[in-house]
Amino acid sequence: MNVRIGITIAAVGAAALLLSGPVYAAADVANCSKKIDQEGAKIQAGALKAFADEYDVIAGVNVAAEASTPFKGHAIVAAMKRAGLELGAMNIFHKHAGTQLLFSLSSLYKPGNFDPDGWEDFRTAGLTFFMSVPCVENPAAVFGQMAETAAEVAQFLGGTLLDQERRPLSERGIAAIRAQVQGIETRMRAFGIPPGSEAALRLFGTGLT
């Protein structure tokens, strides 16, 4: 919309200059149009940057172990297999729908990734599920799926759900986060860049597949 408006204004401005008399050379008209187009491009770029800054959002759900019983490597592998996540890029687990990445899982503590050759000795006090809100289609639904998966993994491993501030996460808290994600989805669509679209992936792509 901004580009079309800029082009229209430039064309009208050029016509007005031509009609005003021979004092304006063709080069003057071209320069005027170019300046108007450049200003329009700057405004559009600024709006796009503000959009990207506002909606580059990661939603997460943590699964914490009991203080004296950290999660063991082989138990994590079994939990991921049950949940349909596979070890992939960056040595963390990923959930896909066809070729689309839905959400991922890492250790809650540094370095975050997993060593596939070290499951026997691996221990962690927590895991974190996370998703890039602007990079998936229907992100509110995907967040709901991720939260359900996190609850199933917590039950399987004997852990508890925490939010990103590491506070206990209830069903009410999950619903509140999902509502926030839905709001982002609605505003992105209104802007003309739906979540999961090619334009959104160019702006927010994580590099994970």
Protein backbone atom coordinates (compact mmCIF):
# COMPACT_ATOMS: atom_id res chain seq x y z
CA MET A 1 0.00 0.00 0.00
CA ASN A 2 2.76 2.49 0.83
CA VAL A 3 4.59 1.77 -2.41
CA ARG A 4 1.44 2.28 -4.48
CA ILE A 5 0.67 5.57 -2.70
CA GLY A 6 4.23 6.76 -3.25
CA ILE A 7 4.02 5.98 -6.96
CA THR A 8 0.69 7.78 -7.27
CA ILE A 9 1.98 10.91 -5.51
CA ALA A 10 5.10 10.92 -7.67
CA ALA A 11 3.05 10.69 -10.86
CA VAL A 12 0.69 13.51 -9.77
CA GLY A 13 3.63 15.67 -8.71
CA ALA A 14 5.34 15.18 -12.05
CA ALA A 15 2.16 16.06 -13.96
CA ALA A 16 1.69 19.23 -11.92
CA LEU A 17 5.23 20.36 -12.67
CA LEU A 18 4.82 19.74 -16.37
CA LEU A 19 1.57 21.69 -16.49
CA SER A 20 3.00 24.66 -14.61
CA GLY A 21 5.15 25.81 -17.51
CA PRO A 22 8.49 25.37 -19.27
CA VAL A 23 10.49 26.67 -16.30
CA TYR A 24 10.82 23.06 -15.10
CA ALA A 25 13.14 20.81 -17.07
CA ALA A 26 12.53 17.08 -17.51
CA ALA A 27 15.51 16.40 -15.23
CA ASP A 28 13.89 18.46 -12.49
CA VAL A 29 10.71 16.43 -12.78
CA ALA A 30 12.65 13.16 -12.64
CA ASN A 31 14.64 14.28 -9.60
CA CYS A 32 11.48 15.35 -7.78
CA SER A 33 9.81 12.01 -8.48
CA LYS A 34 12.93 10.16 -7.37
CA LYS A 35 13.07 12.07 -4.07
CA ILE A 36 9.40 11.34 -3.37
CA ASP A 37 9.93 7.65 -4.12
CA GLN A 38 12.98 7.57 -1.84
CA GLU A 39 11.03 9.14 1.01
CA GLY A 40 8.24 6.61 0.51
CA ALA A 41 10.77 3.78 0.56
CA LYS A 42 12.28 5.09 3.81
CA ILE A 43 8.85 5.24 5.44
CA GLN A 44 8.06 1.72 4.27
CA ALA A 45 11.42 0.39 5.50
CA GLY A 46 10.90 2.03 8.88
CA ALA A 47 7.44 0.50 9.24
CA LEU A 48 8.81 -2.92 8.28
CA LYS A 49 11.63 -2.66 10.83
CA ALA A 50 9.19 -1.65 13.57
CA PHE A 51 6.99 -4.60 12.59
CA ALA A 52 9.93 -7.03 12.73
CA ASP A 53 11.09 -5.70 16.11
CA GLU A 54 7.61 -5.99 17.62
CA TYR A 55 6.68 -9.46 16.42
CA ASP A 56 9.99 -11.33 16.65
CA VAL A 57 8.59 -13.37 19.55
CA ILE A 58 9.60 -16.74 20.99
CA ALA A 59 6.98 -18.59 23.04
CA GLY A 60 8.22 -21.24 25.45
CA VAL A 61 7.21 -23.79 28.04
CA ASN A 62 9.72 -25.30 30.46
CA VAL A 63 9.72 -28.74 32.04
CA ALA A 64 11.61 -28.85 35.34
CA ALA A 65 12.89 -31.93 37.13
CA GLU A 66 12.58 -32.54 40.84
CA ALA A 67 15.56 -31.13 42.70
CA SER A 68 17.12 -34.50 43.52
CA THR A 69 16.22 -36.35 40.31
CA PRO A 70 17.50 -34.72 37.11
CA PHE A 71 16.28 -36.00 33.78
CA LYS A 72 18.50 -38.73 32.32
CA GLY A 73 19.61 -38.86 28.72
CA HIS A 74 17.95 -42.11 27.68
CA ALA A 75 14.68 -41.08 29.38
CA ILE A 76 14.70 -37.83 27.38
CA VAL A 77 15.24 -39.78 24.14
CA ALA A 78 12.31 -42.06 25.01
CA ALA A 79 10.10 -39.07 25.83
CA MET A 80 10.96 -37.38 22.54
CA LYS A 81 10.24 -40.53 20.57
CA ARG A 82 6.81 -40.78 22.22
CA ALA A 83 6.14 -37.12 21.41
CA GLY A 84 7.28 -37.35 17.79
CA LEU A 85 10.31 -35.07 18.06
CA GLU A 86 13.57 -35.90 16.33
CA LEU A 87 17.13 -34.83 17.01
CA GLY A 88 18.24 -32.47 14.23
CA ALA A 89 19.74 -29.06 13.56
CA MET A 90 21.97 -27.69 16.34
CA ASN A 91 21.71 -31.07 18.13
CA ILE A 92 18.33 -30.26 19.64
CA PHE A 93 14.94 -31.91 19.08
CA HIS A 94 12.35 -30.68 16.58
CA LYS A 95 8.70 -31.29 15.82
CA HIS A 96 7.60 -31.00 12.19
CA ALA A 97 4.38 -31.08 10.22
CA GLY A 98 5.57 -32.18 6.81
CA THR A 99 8.42 -29.81 6.00
CA GLN A 100 7.27 -27.08 8.39
CA LEU A 101 9.09 -26.71 11.70
CA LEU A 102 6.53 -26.31 14.49
CA PHE A 103 8.59 -26.19 17.69
CA SER A 104 11.84 -27.39 19.21
CA LEU A 105 13.27 -28.64 22.50
CA SER A 106 16.62 -28.02 24.15
CA SER A 107 18.09 -28.38 27.60
CA LEU A 108 17.08 -25.51 29.87
CA TYR A 109 20.70 -25.09 30.91
CA LYS A 110 23.88 -24.32 28.98
CA PRO A 111 25.05 -25.35 26.49
CA GLY A 112 21.43 -26.21 25.67
CA ASN A 113 22.09 -28.82 23.02
CA PHE A 114 22.56 -32.57 23.35
CA ASP A 115 25.44 -34.92 22.58
CA PRO A 116 23.96 -37.94 20.79
CA ASP A 117 27.02 -39.98 21.79
CA GLY A 118 26.68 -39.10 25.47
CA TRP A 119 23.13 -40.09 26.42
CA GLU A 120 24.34 -42.58 29.01
CA ASP A 121 25.94 -39.87 31.15
CA PHE A 122 23.73 -36.92 30.26
CA ARG A 123 21.73 -35.25 33.04
CA THR A 124 19.76 -32.00 33.13
CA ALA A 125 17.50 -30.32 35.66
CA GLY A 126 15.19 -28.98 32.97
CA LEU A 127 14.07 -28.89 29.35
CA THR A 128 12.55 -26.07 27.34
CA PHE A 129 10.06 -26.25 24.48
CA PHE A 130 10.06 -23.18 22.26
CA MET A 131 8.62 -21.88 19.00
CA SER A 132 9.05 -18.83 16.80
CA VAL A 133 5.58 -17.27 16.77
CA PRO A 134 5.91 -15.44 13.41
CA CYS A 135 7.47 -18.43 11.62
CA VAL A 136 4.61 -20.94 11.87
CA GLU A 137 1.17 -20.97 10.32
CA ASN A 138 -1.63 -20.75 12.91
CA PRO A 139 0.79 -20.09 15.80
CA ALA A 140 -1.91 -20.10 18.51
CA ALA A 141 -2.87 -23.66 17.53
CA VAL A 142 0.81 -24.67 17.36
CA PHE A 143 1.41 -23.21 20.81
CA GLY A 144 -1.51 -25.27 22.13
CA GLN A 145 0.02 -28.40 20.61
CA MET A 146 3.41 -27.56 22.09
CA ALA A 147 1.93 -27.00 25.55
CA GLU A 148 0.10 -30.33 25.38
CA THR A 149 3.32 -32.06 24.34
CA ALA A 150 5.20 -30.41 27.20
CA ALA A 151 2.58 -31.62 29.68
CA GLU A 152 2.86 -35.17 28.34
CA VAL A 153 6.65 -35.07 28.57
CA ALA A 154 6.46 -33.67 32.10
CA GLN A 155 4.20 -36.52 33.14
CA PHE A 156 6.41 -39.13 31.46
CA LEU A 157 9.61 -37.80 33.03
CA GLY A 158 8.12 -36.86 36.39
CA GLY A 159 8.64 -33.11 35.96
CA THR A 160 6.54 -29.96 36.32
CA LEU A 161 5.64 -27.20 33.89
CA LEU A 162 7.14 -23.73 34.35
CA ASP A 163 6.73 -20.52 32.35
CA GLN A 164 9.64 -18.55 30.91
CA GLU A 165 10.10 -16.84 34.28
CA ARG A 166 10.36 -20.36 35.76
CA ARG A 167 7.15 -20.00 37.72
CA PRO A 168 4.60 -22.86 37.93
CA LEU A 169 2.52 -22.91 34.77
CA SER A 170 -1.17 -23.72 35.17
CA GLU A 171 -3.83 -24.32 32.53
CA ARG A 172 -4.92 -20.73 33.09
CA GLY A 173 -1.38 -19.54 32.42
CA ILE A 174 -1.19 -21.60 29.23
CA ALA A 175 -4.50 -20.09 28.07
CA ALA A 176 -3.16 -16.59 28.75
CA ILE A 177 -0.02 -17.20 26.69
CA ARG A 178 -2.08 -18.70 23.89
CA ALA A 179 -4.27 -15.57 23.86
CA GLN A 180 -1.14 -13.41 23.53
CA VAL A 181 0.05 -15.54 20.62
CA GLN A 182 -3.38 -15.24 19.00
CA GLY A 183 -3.17 -11.46 19.33
CA ILE A 184 0.19 -11.43 17.55
CA GLU A 185 -1.23 -13.62 14.79
CA THR A 186 -4.20 -11.28 14.31
CA ARG A 187 -2.05 -8.15 14.15
CA MET A 188 0.42 -9.77 11.73
CA ARG A 189 -2.42 -10.68 9.39
CA ALA A 190 -3.78 -7.15 9.60
CA PHE A 191 -0.34 -5.81 8.62
CA GLY A 192 -0.38 -8.07 5.57
CA ILE A 193 2.34 -10.52 6.63
CA PRO A 194 0.62 -13.64 8.00
CA PRO A 195 2.63 -15.91 10.33
CA GLY A 196 4.37 -18.70 8.45
CA SER A 197 4.13 -16.93 5.10
CA GLU A 198 7.14 -16.57 2.79
CA ALA A 199 7.41 -12.90 3.77
CA ALA A 200 7.37 -13.78 7.48
CA LEU A 201 10.02 -16.45 7.03
CA ARG A 202 12.27 -13.97 5.21
CA LEU A 203 11.91 -11.51 8.08
CA PHE A 204 12.02 -13.89 11.04
CA GLY A 205 13.53 -17.16 9.79
CA THR A 206 15.47 -18.97 12.51
CA GLY A 207 17.63 -21.09 10.23
CA LEU A 208 16.27 -24.22 11.90
CA THR A 209 14.62 -26.87 9.76
